C-alpha atoms as a PDB file:
ATOM      1  CA  MET A   1      15.204 -17.059  14.253  1.00  0.00           C
ATOM      2  CA  VAL A   2      17.801 -17.979  16.896  1.00  0.00           C
ATOM      3  CA  GLU A   3      19.672 -14.719  16.344  1.00  0.00           C
ATOM      4  CA  ILE A   4      16.509 -12.724  17.049  1.00  0.00           C
ATOM      5  CA  THR A   5      15.921 -14.551  20.337  1.00  0.00           C
ATOM      6  CA  MET A   6      19.553 -14.019  21.300  1.00  0.00           C
ATOM      7  CA  ARG A   7      19.222 -10.272  20.651  1.00  0.00           C
ATOM      8  CA  MET A   8      16.015 -10.196  22.696  1.00  0.00           C
ATOM      9  CA  GLU A   9      17.833 -11.862  25.599  1.00  0.00           C
ATOM     10  CA  GLU A  10      20.679  -9.345  25.339  1.00  0.00           C
ATOM     11  CA  ARG A  11      18.191  -6.468  25.446  1.00  0.00           C
ATOM     12  CA  LYS A  12      16.446  -7.972  28.467  1.00  0.00           C
ATOM     13  CA  ARG A  13      19.782  -8.337  30.264  1.00  0.00           C
ATOM     14  CA  THR A  14      20.811  -4.760  29.515  1.00  0.00           C
ATOM     15  CA  MET A  15      17.392  -3.487  30.603  1.00  0.00           C
ATOM     16  CA  THR A  16      17.580  -5.391  33.908  1.00  0.00           C
ATOM     17  CA  LYS A  17      21.115  -4.091  34.478  1.00  0.00           C
ATOM     18  CA  LYS A  18      19.970  -0.507  33.886  1.00  0.00           C
ATOM     19  CA  LEU A  19      16.979  -0.995  36.198  1.00  0.00           C
ATOM     20  CA  LYS A  20      19.238  -2.412  38.925  1.00  0.00           C
ATOM     21  CA  PHE A  21      21.667   0.495  38.508  1.00  0.00           C
ATOM     22  CA  VAL A  22      18.838   3.018  38.778  1.00  0.00           C
ATOM     23  CA  ALA A  23      17.462   1.205  41.841  1.00  0.00           C
ATOM     24  CA  LEU A  24      20.889   1.425  43.507  1.00  0.00           C
ATOM     25  CA  VAL A  25      21.138   5.132  42.701  1.00  0.00           C
END
């Protein structure tokens, strides 16, 4: 269960990073 939540957090972080990068560009 914890591993799943951790993966979800990682995905959220990567998604936010991509969104920020796109916003900058």
